[in-house]
Amino acid sequence: MKLTTVQTEVLSNNINLVTELAETLCQESLHEGQGHIPLNKRQDQLERLATSLDDIRGALLAGH
């Protein structure tokens, strides 16, 4: 089965979000030793990343 336009758009949006979150976490990791990143902010970003990855997986599974 082929992905619908909506599924493709959702997948694309989630991939972009995951990319942005991963880049942010990577940059913040570089400053980790300086104590600039509140733990609750990092936890929130990791939870958003996990949710987006779940959404991507769901979109891919729906397309099969």
N, C-alpha and C. Protein backbone atom coordinates (compact mmCIF):
# COMPACT_ATOMS: atom_id res chain seq x y z
N MET A 1 0.83 -1.17 0.00
CA MET A 1 0.00 0.00 0.00
C MET A 1 0.89 1.25 0.00
N LYS A 2 0.46 2.23 -0.73
CA LYS A 2 1.20 3.48 -0.86
C LYS A 2 0.76 4.48 0.21
N LEU A 3 1.70 5.31 0.67
CA LEU A 3 1.36 6.35 1.64
C LEU A 3 0.47 7.41 0.99
N THR A 4 -0.52 7.88 1.73
CA THR A 4 -1.37 8.95 1.23
C THR A 4 -0.62 10.27 1.34
N THR A 5 -1.16 11.29 0.71
CA THR A 5 -0.55 12.62 0.79
C THR A 5 -0.48 13.11 2.23
N VAL A 6 -1.55 12.88 2.99
CA VAL A 6 -1.58 13.31 4.39
C VAL A 6 -0.54 12.54 5.20
N GLN A 7 -0.44 11.24 5.00
CA GLN A 7 0.55 10.44 5.72
C GLN A 7 1.96 10.90 5.39
N THR A 8 2.19 11.20 4.12
CA THR A 8 3.50 11.67 3.70
C THR A 8 3.83 13.01 4.34
N GLU A 9 2.83 13.90 4.41
CA GLU A 9 3.03 15.21 5.03
C GLU A 9 3.32 15.07 6.53
N VAL A 10 2.56 14.22 7.21
CA VAL A 10 2.79 13.98 8.64
C VAL A 10 4.19 13.40 8.85
N LEU A 11 4.56 12.45 8.03
CA LEU A 11 5.87 11.82 8.12
C LEU A 11 6.97 12.86 7.92
N SER A 12 6.82 13.69 6.91
CA SER A 12 7.81 14.72 6.62
C SER A 12 7.93 15.72 7.77
N ASN A 13 6.79 16.15 8.30
CA ASN A 13 6.81 17.09 9.43
C ASN A 13 7.49 16.48 10.65
N ASN A 14 7.21 15.22 10.92
CA ASN A 14 7.83 14.56 12.08
C ASN A 14 9.32 14.34 11.88
N ILE A 15 9.72 14.03 10.66
CA ILE A 15 11.15 13.87 10.38
C ILE A 15 11.86 15.20 10.60
N ASN A 16 11.24 16.30 10.14
CA ASN A 16 11.84 17.62 10.35
C ASN A 16 11.94 17.95 11.83
N LEU A 17 10.90 17.63 12.59
CA LEU A 17 10.90 17.89 14.03
C LEU A 17 11.98 17.06 14.73
N VAL A 18 12.09 15.80 14.37
CA VAL A 18 13.11 14.93 14.96
C VAL A 18 14.50 15.48 14.65
N THR A 19 14.70 15.92 13.42
CA THR A 19 16.00 16.48 13.03
C THR A 19 16.33 17.72 13.86
N GLU A 20 15.35 18.62 14.00
CA GLU A 20 15.57 19.84 14.78
C GLU A 20 15.87 19.51 16.24
N LEU A 21 15.09 18.60 16.82
CA LEU A 21 15.31 18.23 18.22
C LEU A 21 16.67 17.59 18.42
N ALA A 22 17.05 16.71 17.49
CA ALA A 22 18.34 16.04 17.60
C ALA A 22 19.48 17.06 17.51
N GLU A 23 19.35 18.02 16.58
CA GLU A 23 20.38 19.05 16.45
C GLU A 23 20.47 19.90 17.72
N THR A 24 19.32 20.25 18.29
CA THR A 24 19.30 21.03 19.52
C THR A 24 19.95 20.27 20.66
N LEU A 25 19.58 19.00 20.81
CA LEU A 25 20.17 18.18 21.88
C LEU A 25 21.67 18.03 21.70
N CYS A 26 22.10 17.89 20.46
CA CYS A 26 23.53 17.76 20.18
C CYS A 26 24.26 19.04 20.58
N GLN A 27 23.71 20.19 20.18
CA GLN A 27 24.34 21.47 20.54
C GLN A 27 24.37 21.66 22.05
N GLU A 28 23.28 21.31 22.72
CA GLU A 28 23.22 21.47 24.17
C GLU A 28 24.19 20.53 24.87
N SER A 29 24.42 19.37 24.28
CA SER A 29 25.37 18.42 24.87
C SER A 29 26.78 19.00 24.87
N LEU A 30 27.08 19.82 23.88
CA LEU A 30 28.39 20.45 23.82
C LEU A 30 28.60 21.41 24.99
N HIS A 31 27.50 21.97 25.51
CA HIS A 31 27.57 22.93 26.61
C HIS A 31 27.22 22.30 27.96
N GLU A 32 27.03 21.00 27.96
CA GLU A 32 26.57 20.30 29.16
C GLU A 32 27.45 20.57 30.37
N GLY A 33 28.74 20.56 30.18
CA GLY A 33 29.66 20.76 31.28
C GLY A 33 29.61 22.16 31.86
N GLN A 34 29.00 23.09 31.14
CA GLN A 34 28.94 24.47 31.60
C GLN A 34 27.67 24.74 32.41
N GLY A 35 26.79 23.74 32.53
CA GLY A 35 25.59 23.88 33.34
C GLY A 35 24.55 24.82 32.78
N HIS A 36 24.49 24.98 31.47
CA HIS A 36 23.56 25.92 30.85
C HIS A 36 22.21 25.31 30.51
N ILE A 37 22.08 24.00 30.60
CA ILE A 37 20.85 23.34 30.16
C ILE A 37 20.07 22.80 31.35
N PRO A 38 18.89 23.37 31.60
CA PRO A 38 18.07 22.83 32.69
C PRO A 38 17.64 21.40 32.37
N LEU A 39 17.69 20.54 33.36
CA LEU A 39 17.36 19.13 33.17
C LEU A 39 15.93 18.95 32.66
N ASN A 40 14.99 19.74 33.18
CA ASN A 40 13.60 19.59 32.75
C ASN A 40 13.42 19.95 31.28
N LYS A 41 14.21 20.88 30.77
CA LYS A 41 14.15 21.24 29.34
C LYS A 41 14.64 20.07 28.50
N ARG A 42 15.75 19.48 28.91
CA ARG A 42 16.28 18.34 28.16
C ARG A 42 15.31 17.17 28.19
N GLN A 43 14.69 16.90 29.35
CA GLN A 43 13.72 15.81 29.46
C GLN A 43 12.55 16.05 28.53
N ASP A 44 12.06 17.28 28.47
CA ASP A 44 10.94 17.63 27.59
C ASP A 44 11.32 17.39 26.13
N GLN A 45 12.52 17.79 25.75
CA GLN A 45 12.96 17.59 24.37
C GLN A 45 13.09 16.11 24.03
N LEU A 46 13.60 15.32 24.96
CA LEU A 46 13.72 13.88 24.73
C LEU A 46 12.35 13.23 24.59
N GLU A 47 11.38 13.68 25.39
CA GLU A 47 10.03 13.14 25.29
C GLU A 47 9.39 13.52 23.95
N ARG A 48 9.61 14.75 23.50
CA ARG A 48 9.09 15.17 22.19
C ARG A 48 9.74 14.37 21.07
N LEU A 49 11.03 14.12 21.20
CA LEU A 49 11.75 13.32 20.22
C LEU A 49 11.18 11.91 20.15
N ALA A 50 10.96 11.30 21.31
CA ALA A 50 10.41 9.94 21.35
C ALA A 50 9.01 9.90 20.75
N THR A 51 8.19 10.89 21.06
CA THR A 51 6.83 10.95 20.51
C THR A 51 6.87 11.09 18.99
N SER A 52 7.74 11.94 18.50
CA SER A 52 7.86 12.13 17.05
C SER A 52 8.34 10.87 16.35
N LEU A 53 9.27 10.17 16.98
CA LEU A 53 9.73 8.91 16.39
C LEU A 53 8.60 7.88 16.36
N ASP A 54 7.78 7.85 17.40
CA ASP A 54 6.61 6.96 17.41
C ASP A 54 5.65 7.33 16.29
N ASP A 55 5.44 8.62 16.08
CA ASP A 55 4.55 9.08 15.00
C ASP A 55 5.09 8.68 13.63
N ILE A 56 6.40 8.79 13.46
CA ILE A 56 7.01 8.38 12.19
C ILE A 56 6.82 6.88 11.97
N ARG A 57 7.07 6.10 13.01
CA ARG A 57 6.88 4.65 12.90
C ARG A 57 5.43 4.32 12.55
N GLY A 58 4.49 5.00 13.21
CA GLY A 58 3.07 4.77 12.93
C GLY A 58 2.71 5.10 11.49
N ALA A 59 3.24 6.20 10.98
CA ALA A 59 2.96 6.59 9.60
C ALA A 59 3.53 5.57 8.62
N LEU A 60 4.72 5.09 8.91
CA LEU A 60 5.33 4.09 8.03
C LEU A 60 4.56 2.77 8.07
N LEU A 61 4.14 2.36 9.26
CA LEU A 61 3.38 1.12 9.38
C LEU A 61 2.02 1.24 8.70
N ALA A 62 1.41 2.41 8.77
CA ALA A 62 0.11 2.63 8.13
C ALA A 62 0.22 2.55 6.61
N GLY A 63 1.41 2.83 6.11
CA GLY A 63 1.62 2.81 4.66
C GLY A 63 1.90 1.43 4.10
N HIS A 64 1.97 0.42 4.95
CA HIS A 64 2.26 -0.95 4.48
C HIS A 64 1.01 -1.77 4.38
